[in-house]
Amino acid sequence: SVDIATNHAPGLEVEQEVSKTIMDEFVMQVDMSQEIINLSSKLFQTGHFYYRKFKREIKGTENMQHTAIELKKHLKEW
């Protein structure tokens, strides 16, 4: 059934909230991925020995945040 007053099926708002949460998480991960790429590229370009052959698989937002913090620290120290 469709609620004519709001013109949508019952439960659609909950589904949209869940979709928004998932989309926000995805966008945050894409942004963090780009930051990780930029930081590791800077470390490589400035000649940091460890980052000549840098490859890392990261799963999850929290792990991405830790990696970005680690890279920022290495860049600052370098």
Protein backbone atom coordinates (compact mmCIF):
# COMPACT_ATOMS: atom_id res chain seq x y z
CA SER A 1 0.00 0.00 0.00
CA VAL A 2 1.09 3.56 -0.64
CA ASP A 3 0.45 6.44 1.72
CA ILE A 4 -1.09 9.01 -0.62
CA ALA A 5 -0.41 11.92 1.76
CA THR A 6 3.36 11.35 1.66
CA ASN A 7 3.43 9.48 -1.67
CA HIS A 8 5.64 6.62 -0.55
CA ALA A 9 5.41 3.10 0.75
CA PRO A 10 5.56 2.48 4.52
CA GLY A 11 9.09 1.86 5.75
CA LEU A 12 10.69 3.83 2.91
CA GLU A 13 12.03 6.50 5.29
CA VAL A 14 13.85 3.86 7.33
CA GLU A 15 15.29 2.39 4.13
CA GLN A 16 16.42 5.85 2.99
CA GLU A 17 18.08 6.50 6.37
CA VAL A 18 19.96 3.20 6.12
CA SER A 19 20.94 3.97 2.53
CA LYS A 20 22.14 7.44 3.56
CA THR A 21 24.26 5.95 6.36
CA ILE A 22 25.81 3.45 3.97
CA MET A 23 26.41 6.14 1.35
CA ASP A 24 27.99 8.49 3.92
CA GLU A 25 30.31 5.68 5.04
CA PHE A 26 31.24 4.94 1.43
CA VAL A 27 31.99 8.60 0.67
CA MET A 28 34.14 8.83 3.81
CA GLN A 29 36.09 5.73 2.74
CA VAL A 30 36.63 7.13 -0.76
CA ASP A 31 37.90 10.42 0.73
CA MET A 32 40.23 8.54 3.07
CA SER A 33 41.47 6.36 0.23
CA GLN A 34 42.42 9.49 -1.70
CA GLU A 35 44.17 10.92 1.36
CA ILE A 36 46.14 7.67 1.82
CA ILE A 37 47.14 7.73 -1.85
CA ASN A 38 48.24 11.37 -1.61
CA LEU A 39 50.24 10.85 1.59
CA SER A 40 51.97 7.68 0.38
CA SER A 41 52.74 9.37 -2.95
CA LYS A 42 54.36 12.31 -1.13
CA LEU A 43 56.44 9.90 0.94
CA PHE A 44 57.50 8.08 -2.23
CA GLN A 45 58.27 11.30 -4.13
CA THR A 46 60.38 12.68 -1.29
CA GLY A 47 62.47 9.51 -1.30
CA HIS A 48 61.31 7.69 1.83
CA PHE A 49 62.92 4.26 1.49
CA TYR A 50 60.01 2.27 2.94
CA TYR A 51 57.54 3.77 0.49
CA ARG A 52 59.46 2.84 -2.67
CA LYS A 53 57.42 -0.37 -2.85
CA PHE A 54 54.48 0.49 -0.62
CA LYS A 55 51.50 -1.82 -0.86
CA ARG A 56 48.87 -2.32 1.80
CA GLU A 57 45.41 -3.83 1.88
CA ILE A 58 43.08 -2.00 4.24
CA LYS A 59 39.56 -3.00 5.18
CA GLY A 60 37.22 -0.79 7.16
CA THR A 61 36.98 2.87 7.99
CA GLU A 62 38.78 2.56 11.32
CA ASN A 63 41.79 0.84 9.72
CA MET A 64 41.86 3.51 7.03
CA GLN A 65 41.90 6.22 9.70
CA HIS A 66 44.82 4.51 11.48
CA THR A 67 46.73 4.23 8.21
CA ALA A 68 46.19 7.91 7.38
CA ILE A 69 47.42 8.91 10.85
CA GLU A 70 50.48 6.67 10.46
CA LEU A 71 51.28 8.13 7.04
CA LYS A 72 50.91 11.71 8.33
CA LYS A 73 53.28 10.87 11.17
CA HIS A 74 55.85 9.36 8.79
CA LEU A 75 55.60 12.36 6.47
CA LYS A 76 56.06 14.80 9.35
CA GLU A 77 59.07 12.84 10.67
CA TRP A 78 60.59 12.51 7.19
